[in-house]
Amino acid sequence: MQATTLVAEAVWKSIESTHSVTDDQLGILQFLFGKNLERATRIVDQRGVKKLCGEPSGHSIFQVVGESRKKEEYLCFAENYCGCYSFFYDVVNRGEQHCCKHQLAARLAASLGAFIQVDLPDEELAILLAQL
């Protein structure tokens, strides 16, 4: 595991334990993720993160709103996938970023408990996942 990932994981776990974030934690995350963190915090502040939870399985995925005028919503797994263009271009293809702003927003919202939970039947969740 990369040092960046280990440091970020420690910060996320610390935030999860208190459901609050300190200036020091924000500073570390800003250092690790740069401009994407600022964008992610805006998304979380605007209540742009939904956690789609399948019932009865409890499986879930995040749906995160974009910042463009279209207000597209991207399905994402905070740790390893987002359906946005930036994920494929900056993270996968070029390797310039560790994750996209939507993944950061999902992780921050999950750590703070600042997401909107949407319960839906497993069948509906499966249809959404099949579109990935």
N, C-alpha and C. Protein backbone atom coordinates (compact mmCIF):
# COMPACT_ATOMS: atom_id res chain seq x y z
N MET A 1 0.84 -1.18 0.00
CA MET A 1 0.00 0.00 0.00
C MET A 1 0.89 1.25 0.00
N GLN A 2 0.55 2.23 -0.82
CA GLN A 2 1.34 3.45 -0.90
C GLN A 2 1.24 4.25 0.39
N ALA A 3 2.28 5.03 0.67
CA ALA A 3 2.29 5.86 1.87
C ALA A 3 1.11 6.83 1.87
N THR A 4 0.79 7.40 0.71
CA THR A 4 -0.33 8.33 0.61
C THR A 4 -1.62 7.66 1.05
N THR A 5 -1.82 6.43 0.59
CA THR A 5 -3.03 5.69 0.93
C THR A 5 -3.08 5.40 2.42
N LEU A 6 -1.96 5.03 3.01
CA LEU A 6 -1.92 4.75 4.44
C LEU A 6 -2.24 5.98 5.28
N VAL A 7 -1.66 7.11 4.89
CA VAL A 7 -1.91 8.36 5.62
C VAL A 7 -3.38 8.76 5.48
N ALA A 8 -3.88 8.71 4.26
CA ALA A 8 -5.29 9.07 4.03
C ALA A 8 -6.22 8.16 4.82
N GLU A 9 -5.94 6.88 4.83
CA GLU A 9 -6.77 5.91 5.56
C GLU A 9 -6.80 6.24 7.04
N ALA A 10 -5.67 6.61 7.61
CA ALA A 10 -5.62 6.97 9.03
C ALA A 10 -6.47 8.21 9.30
N VAL A 11 -6.42 9.18 8.40
CA VAL A 11 -7.22 10.40 8.58
C VAL A 11 -8.71 10.08 8.47
N TRP A 12 -9.09 9.28 7.45
CA TRP A 12 -10.51 8.92 7.29
C TRP A 12 -11.03 8.20 8.53
N LYS A 13 -10.24 7.28 9.06
CA LYS A 13 -10.67 6.52 10.26
C LYS A 13 -10.83 7.45 11.46
N SER A 14 -9.95 8.43 11.58
CA SER A 14 -10.04 9.40 12.67
C SER A 14 -11.30 10.24 12.53
N ILE A 15 -11.62 10.67 11.32
CA ILE A 15 -12.83 11.45 11.08
C ILE A 15 -14.07 10.60 11.38
N GLU A 16 -14.05 9.34 10.94
CA GLU A 16 -15.18 8.44 11.19
C GLU A 16 -15.44 8.24 12.67
N SER A 17 -14.38 8.22 13.46
CA SER A 17 -14.54 7.95 14.89
C SER A 17 -15.25 9.09 15.62
N THR A 18 -15.15 10.30 15.10
CA THR A 18 -15.77 11.46 15.76
C THR A 18 -16.89 12.09 14.94
N HIS A 19 -17.02 11.70 13.69
CA HIS A 19 -17.98 12.32 12.75
C HIS A 19 -17.78 13.83 12.66
N SER A 20 -16.53 14.24 12.81
CA SER A 20 -16.18 15.65 12.63
C SER A 20 -14.76 15.71 12.07
N VAL A 21 -14.46 16.84 11.45
CA VAL A 21 -13.15 17.00 10.84
C VAL A 21 -12.48 18.24 11.41
N THR A 22 -11.21 18.10 11.73
CA THR A 22 -10.44 19.22 12.29
C THR A 22 -9.69 19.94 11.17
N ASP A 23 -9.18 21.11 11.48
CA ASP A 23 -8.38 21.86 10.51
C ASP A 23 -7.11 21.08 10.14
N ASP A 24 -6.52 20.40 11.12
CA ASP A 24 -5.33 19.61 10.84
C ASP A 24 -5.64 18.47 9.87
N GLN A 25 -6.76 17.79 10.08
CA GLN A 25 -7.15 16.71 9.17
C GLN A 25 -7.41 17.24 7.77
N LEU A 26 -8.10 18.39 7.70
CA LEU A 26 -8.34 19.00 6.38
C LEU A 26 -7.03 19.38 5.71
N GLY A 27 -6.08 19.87 6.49
CA GLY A 27 -4.78 20.24 5.93
C GLY A 27 -4.05 19.04 5.34
N ILE A 28 -4.10 17.92 6.04
CA ILE A 28 -3.45 16.70 5.53
C ILE A 28 -4.14 16.24 4.26
N LEU A 29 -5.48 16.21 4.28
CA LEU A 29 -6.21 15.77 3.08
C LEU A 29 -5.97 16.73 1.92
N GLN A 30 -5.89 18.03 2.20
CA GLN A 30 -5.61 19.02 1.15
C GLN A 30 -4.23 18.76 0.54
N PHE A 31 -3.26 18.47 1.38
CA PHE A 31 -1.91 18.17 0.89
C PHE A 31 -1.92 16.92 0.01
N LEU A 32 -2.68 15.90 0.41
CA LEU A 32 -2.71 14.65 -0.33
C LEU A 32 -3.50 14.73 -1.63
N PHE A 33 -4.62 15.47 -1.60
CA PHE A 33 -5.55 15.42 -2.73
C PHE A 33 -5.70 16.74 -3.49
N GLY A 34 -5.11 17.82 -3.00
CA GLY A 34 -5.11 19.09 -3.71
C GLY A 34 -6.49 19.66 -3.96
N LYS A 35 -6.65 20.21 -5.16
CA LYS A 35 -7.88 20.93 -5.52
C LYS A 35 -9.12 20.05 -5.47
N ASN A 36 -8.95 18.75 -5.65
CA ASN A 36 -10.11 17.87 -5.60
C ASN A 36 -10.78 17.86 -4.23
N LEU A 37 -10.01 18.07 -3.17
CA LEU A 37 -10.61 18.09 -1.83
C LEU A 37 -11.54 19.29 -1.68
N GLU A 38 -11.11 20.44 -2.14
CA GLU A 38 -11.96 21.63 -2.05
C GLU A 38 -13.27 21.42 -2.80
N ARG A 39 -13.17 20.84 -3.98
CA ARG A 39 -14.37 20.56 -4.77
C ARG A 39 -15.26 19.54 -4.07
N ALA A 40 -14.64 18.54 -3.47
CA ALA A 40 -15.40 17.52 -2.76
C ALA A 40 -16.14 18.10 -1.56
N THR A 41 -15.49 19.00 -0.82
CA THR A 41 -16.14 19.59 0.35
C THR A 41 -17.35 20.44 -0.08
N ARG A 42 -17.24 21.10 -1.24
CA ARG A 42 -18.40 21.86 -1.76
C ARG A 42 -19.57 20.93 -2.04
N ILE A 43 -19.27 19.79 -2.66
CA ILE A 43 -20.33 18.83 -2.97
C ILE A 43 -20.99 18.34 -1.68
N VAL A 44 -20.19 18.01 -0.67
CA VAL A 44 -20.74 17.54 0.60
C VAL A 44 -21.55 18.65 1.27
N ASP A 45 -21.03 19.87 1.28
CA ASP A 45 -21.73 21.00 1.89
C ASP A 45 -23.08 21.26 1.23
N GLN A 46 -23.18 20.97 -0.07
CA GLN A 46 -24.42 21.18 -0.81
C GLN A 46 -25.33 19.96 -0.79
N ARG A 47 -25.00 19.00 0.08
CA ARG A 47 -25.78 17.76 0.24
C ARG A 47 -25.90 17.01 -1.09
N GLY A 48 -24.77 16.89 -1.78
CA GLY A 48 -24.75 16.26 -3.09
C GLY A 48 -24.35 14.80 -3.09
N VAL A 49 -24.35 14.16 -1.93
CA VAL A 49 -23.95 12.75 -1.85
C VAL A 49 -25.12 11.92 -1.32
N LYS A 50 -25.49 10.92 -2.11
CA LYS A 50 -26.52 9.96 -1.70
C LYS A 50 -25.86 8.60 -1.54
N LYS A 51 -26.31 7.87 -0.55
CA LYS A 51 -25.87 6.49 -0.39
C LYS A 51 -27.07 5.62 -0.74
N LEU A 52 -26.96 4.91 -1.86
CA LEU A 52 -28.04 4.04 -2.31
C LEU A 52 -27.85 2.68 -1.66
N CYS A 53 -28.81 2.29 -0.82
CA CYS A 53 -28.70 1.05 -0.05
C CYS A 53 -29.75 0.06 -0.51
N GLY A 54 -29.29 -1.10 -0.96
CA GLY A 54 -30.19 -2.16 -1.39
C GLY A 54 -30.80 -2.87 -0.20
N GLU A 55 -32.07 -3.22 -0.35
CA GLU A 55 -32.77 -3.97 0.68
C GLU A 55 -33.28 -5.26 0.09
N PRO A 56 -33.08 -6.37 0.71
CA PRO A 56 -32.62 -6.54 2.09
C PRO A 56 -31.12 -6.75 2.24
N SER A 57 -30.36 -6.77 1.15
CA SER A 57 -28.94 -7.16 1.22
C SER A 57 -28.06 -6.21 2.02
N GLY A 58 -28.38 -4.91 1.98
CA GLY A 58 -27.53 -3.93 2.64
C GLY A 58 -26.35 -3.47 1.77
N HIS A 59 -26.22 -4.01 0.56
CA HIS A 59 -25.17 -3.56 -0.35
C HIS A 59 -25.43 -2.11 -0.72
N SER A 60 -24.37 -1.36 -0.97
CA SER A 60 -24.58 0.06 -1.25
C SER A 60 -23.54 0.59 -2.24
N ILE A 61 -23.91 1.73 -2.82
CA ILE A 61 -23.03 2.49 -3.71
C ILE A 61 -23.39 3.95 -3.51
N PHE A 62 -22.45 4.84 -3.75
CA PHE A 62 -22.72 6.26 -3.63
C PHE A 62 -23.12 6.84 -4.97
N GLN A 63 -24.00 7.82 -4.92
CA GLN A 63 -24.38 8.60 -6.10
C GLN A 63 -24.03 10.04 -5.76
N VAL A 64 -23.09 10.61 -6.54
CA VAL A 64 -22.54 11.92 -6.21
C VAL A 64 -22.82 12.88 -7.37
N VAL A 65 -23.33 14.04 -7.03
CA VAL A 65 -23.66 15.04 -8.04
C VAL A 65 -22.38 15.72 -8.53
N GLY A 66 -22.35 16.02 -9.82
CA GLY A 66 -21.23 16.74 -10.39
C GLY A 66 -21.40 18.24 -10.19
N GLU A 67 -20.38 18.98 -10.57
CA GLU A 67 -20.45 20.43 -10.39
C GLU A 67 -20.77 21.18 -11.69
N SER A 68 -20.92 20.45 -12.77
CA SER A 68 -21.21 21.13 -14.04
C SER A 68 -22.65 21.63 -14.04
N ARG A 69 -22.98 22.40 -15.02
CA ARG A 69 -24.35 22.94 -15.13
C ARG A 69 -25.37 21.82 -15.31
N LYS A 70 -24.93 20.71 -15.87
CA LYS A 70 -25.83 19.59 -16.10
C LYS A 70 -26.24 18.89 -14.81
N LYS A 71 -25.44 19.06 -13.77
CA LYS A 71 -25.68 18.41 -12.48
C LYS A 71 -25.85 16.90 -12.65
N GLU A 72 -24.96 16.32 -13.44
CA GLU A 72 -24.98 14.88 -13.62
C GLU A 72 -24.68 14.20 -12.29
N GLU A 73 -25.18 12.99 -12.14
CA GLU A 73 -24.89 12.22 -10.94
C GLU A 73 -24.08 11.00 -11.34
N TYR A 74 -23.00 10.76 -10.58
CA TYR A 74 -22.09 9.67 -10.88
C TYR A 74 -22.17 8.60 -9.80
N LEU A 75 -22.24 7.36 -10.24
CA LEU A 75 -22.18 6.26 -9.30
C LEU A 75 -20.73 6.01 -8.97
N CYS A 76 -20.46 5.81 -7.69
CA CYS A 76 -19.06 5.59 -7.32
C CYS A 76 -18.93 4.76 -6.06
N PHE A 77 -17.85 4.01 -6.04
CA PHE A 77 -17.38 3.33 -4.84
C PHE A 77 -16.22 4.19 -4.36
N ALA A 78 -16.33 4.73 -3.16
CA ALA A 78 -15.38 5.73 -2.69
C ALA A 78 -13.92 5.29 -2.80
N GLU A 79 -13.63 4.03 -2.56
CA GLU A 79 -12.24 3.58 -2.53
C GLU A 79 -11.67 3.22 -3.89
N ASN A 80 -12.53 2.85 -4.88
CA ASN A 80 -11.90 2.31 -6.09
C ASN A 80 -12.58 2.53 -7.43
N TYR A 81 -13.64 3.32 -7.51
CA TYR A 81 -14.27 3.51 -8.82
C TYR A 81 -15.20 4.71 -8.82
N CYS A 82 -15.22 5.42 -9.94
CA CYS A 82 -16.23 6.44 -10.21
C CYS A 82 -16.52 6.41 -11.70
N GLY A 83 -17.76 6.68 -12.05
CA GLY A 83 -18.16 6.66 -13.45
C GLY A 83 -17.89 7.96 -14.19
N CYS A 84 -17.20 8.90 -13.57
CA CYS A 84 -16.95 10.19 -14.23
C CYS A 84 -15.75 10.13 -15.17
N TYR A 85 -15.68 11.11 -16.04
CA TYR A 85 -14.60 11.21 -17.01
C TYR A 85 -13.25 11.39 -16.33
N SER A 86 -13.21 12.22 -15.29
CA SER A 86 -11.95 12.51 -14.60
C SER A 86 -11.34 11.25 -14.00
N PHE A 87 -12.17 10.35 -13.47
CA PHE A 87 -11.64 9.12 -12.91
C PHE A 87 -10.86 8.35 -13.96
N PHE A 88 -11.45 8.20 -15.13
CA PHE A 88 -10.79 7.42 -16.17
C PHE A 88 -9.59 8.15 -16.77
N TYR A 89 -9.70 9.46 -16.89
CA TYR A 89 -8.62 10.22 -17.53
C TYR A 89 -7.47 10.51 -16.57
N ASP A 90 -7.78 11.10 -15.40
CA ASP A 90 -6.73 11.53 -14.47
C ASP A 90 -6.23 10.44 -13.54
N VAL A 91 -7.12 9.51 -13.17
CA VAL A 91 -6.74 8.47 -12.21
C VAL A 91 -6.24 7.22 -12.93
N VAL A 92 -7.06 6.69 -13.82
CA VAL A 92 -6.72 5.41 -14.46
C VAL A 92 -5.69 5.61 -15.58
N ASN A 93 -5.99 6.46 -16.54
CA ASN A 93 -5.11 6.59 -17.72
C ASN A 93 -3.79 7.29 -17.42
N ARG A 94 -3.85 8.44 -16.78
CA ARG A 94 -2.64 9.24 -16.58
C ARG A 94 -1.99 9.02 -15.23
N GLY A 95 -2.73 8.51 -14.27
CA GLY A 95 -2.19 8.28 -12.94
C GLY A 95 -1.77 9.55 -12.21
N GLU A 96 -2.37 10.68 -12.56
CA GLU A 96 -2.00 11.96 -11.95
C GLU A 96 -2.69 12.21 -10.62
N GLN A 97 -3.79 11.54 -10.39
CA GLN A 97 -4.55 11.72 -9.16
C GLN A 97 -4.75 10.35 -8.51
N HIS A 98 -4.96 10.35 -7.20
CA HIS A 98 -5.26 9.10 -6.49
C HIS A 98 -6.73 8.75 -6.62
N CYS A 99 -7.57 9.79 -6.74
CA CYS A 99 -9.00 9.59 -6.88
C CYS A 99 -9.62 10.88 -7.40
N CYS A 100 -10.87 10.81 -7.80
CA CYS A 100 -11.56 12.00 -8.31
C CYS A 100 -12.32 12.70 -7.18
N LYS A 101 -12.86 13.87 -7.46
CA LYS A 101 -13.57 14.63 -6.44
C LYS A 101 -14.83 13.92 -5.96
N HIS A 102 -15.45 13.13 -6.83
CA HIS A 102 -16.67 12.42 -6.44
C HIS A 102 -16.35 11.33 -5.41
N GLN A 103 -15.23 10.64 -5.63
CA GLN A 103 -14.80 9.63 -4.66
C GLN A 103 -14.48 10.29 -3.32
N LEU A 104 -13.79 11.42 -3.37
CA LEU A 104 -13.47 12.14 -2.14
C LEU A 104 -14.73 12.62 -1.43
N ALA A 105 -15.69 13.12 -2.21
CA ALA A 105 -16.95 13.58 -1.61
C ALA A 105 -17.67 12.41 -0.95
N ALA A 106 -17.69 11.27 -1.62
CA ALA A 106 -18.34 10.08 -1.05
C ALA A 106 -17.65 9.66 0.24
N ARG A 107 -16.33 9.64 0.22
CA ARG A 107 -15.57 9.21 1.41
C ARG A 107 -15.75 10.20 2.56
N LEU A 108 -15.71 11.49 2.25
CA LEU A 108 -15.90 12.51 3.28
C LEU A 108 -17.32 12.44 3.86
N ALA A 109 -18.30 12.33 2.99
CA ALA A 109 -19.69 12.24 3.45
C ALA A 109 -19.91 10.99 4.30
N ALA A 110 -19.32 9.88 3.89
CA ALA A 110 -19.44 8.64 4.65
C ALA A 110 -18.79 8.79 6.02
N SER A 111 -17.62 9.40 6.06
CA SER A 111 -16.90 9.57 7.32
C SER A 111 -17.64 10.49 8.29
N LEU A 112 -18.29 11.49 7.73
CA LEU A 112 -19.01 12.46 8.56
C LEU A 112 -20.47 12.06 8.81
N GLY A 113 -20.96 11.07 8.08
CA GLY A 113 -22.38 10.73 8.16
C GLY A 113 -23.23 11.80 7.50
N ALA A 114 -22.66 12.48 6.48
CA ALA A 114 -23.31 13.63 5.86
C ALA A 114 -23.87 13.31 4.48
N PHE A 115 -24.44 12.13 4.32
CA PHE A 115 -25.03 11.74 3.05
C PHE A 115 -26.54 11.57 3.23
N ILE A 116 -27.24 11.55 2.12
CA ILE A 116 -28.67 11.26 2.12
C ILE A 116 -28.81 9.78 1.81
N GLN A 117 -29.44 9.04 2.70
CA GLN A 117 -29.59 7.60 2.46
C GLN A 117 -30.88 7.35 1.69
N VAL A 118 -30.75 6.58 0.62
CA VAL A 118 -31.89 6.20 -0.19
C VAL A 118 -31.96 4.68 -0.19
N ASP A 119 -33.03 4.15 0.39
CA ASP A 119 -33.23 2.70 0.41
C ASP A 119 -34.02 2.30 -0.82
N LEU A 120 -33.56 1.25 -1.48
CA LEU A 120 -34.25 0.76 -2.65
C LEU A 120 -34.13 -0.76 -2.70
N PRO A 121 -35.05 -1.40 -3.42
CA PRO A 121 -34.97 -2.86 -3.51
C PRO A 121 -33.67 -3.30 -4.19
N ASP A 122 -33.17 -4.45 -3.79
CA ASP A 122 -31.95 -4.99 -4.38
C ASP A 122 -32.04 -5.06 -5.90
N GLU A 123 -33.20 -5.34 -6.43
CA GLU A 123 -33.37 -5.43 -7.88
C GLU A 123 -33.04 -4.11 -8.56
N GLU A 124 -33.50 -2.99 -7.98
CA GLU A 124 -33.21 -1.67 -8.54
C GLU A 124 -31.71 -1.35 -8.44
N LEU A 125 -31.11 -1.71 -7.32
CA LEU A 125 -29.67 -1.48 -7.15
C LEU A 125 -28.91 -2.30 -8.18
N ALA A 126 -29.32 -3.53 -8.41
CA ALA A 126 -28.66 -4.39 -9.40
C ALA A 126 -28.75 -3.80 -10.79
N ILE A 127 -29.86 -3.19 -11.14
CA ILE A 127 -30.01 -2.55 -12.46
C ILE A 127 -29.05 -1.38 -12.59
N LEU A 128 -28.93 -0.58 -11.53
CA LEU A 128 -27.97 0.54 -11.55
C LEU A 128 -26.54 0.04 -11.70
N LEU A 129 -26.19 -1.00 -10.95
CA LEU A 129 -24.84 -1.56 -11.01
C LEU A 129 -24.54 -2.17 -12.37
N ALA A 130 -25.54 -2.73 -13.01
CA ALA A 130 -25.34 -3.34 -14.33
C ALA A 130 -25.01 -2.29 -15.39
N GLN A 131 -25.33 -1.03 -15.11
CA GLN A 131 -25.06 0.05 -16.06
C GLN A 131 -23.63 0.57 -15.95
N LEU A 132 -22.88 0.13 -14.95
CA LEU A 132 -21.51 0.60 -14.77
C LEU A 132 -20.60 0.04 -15.84
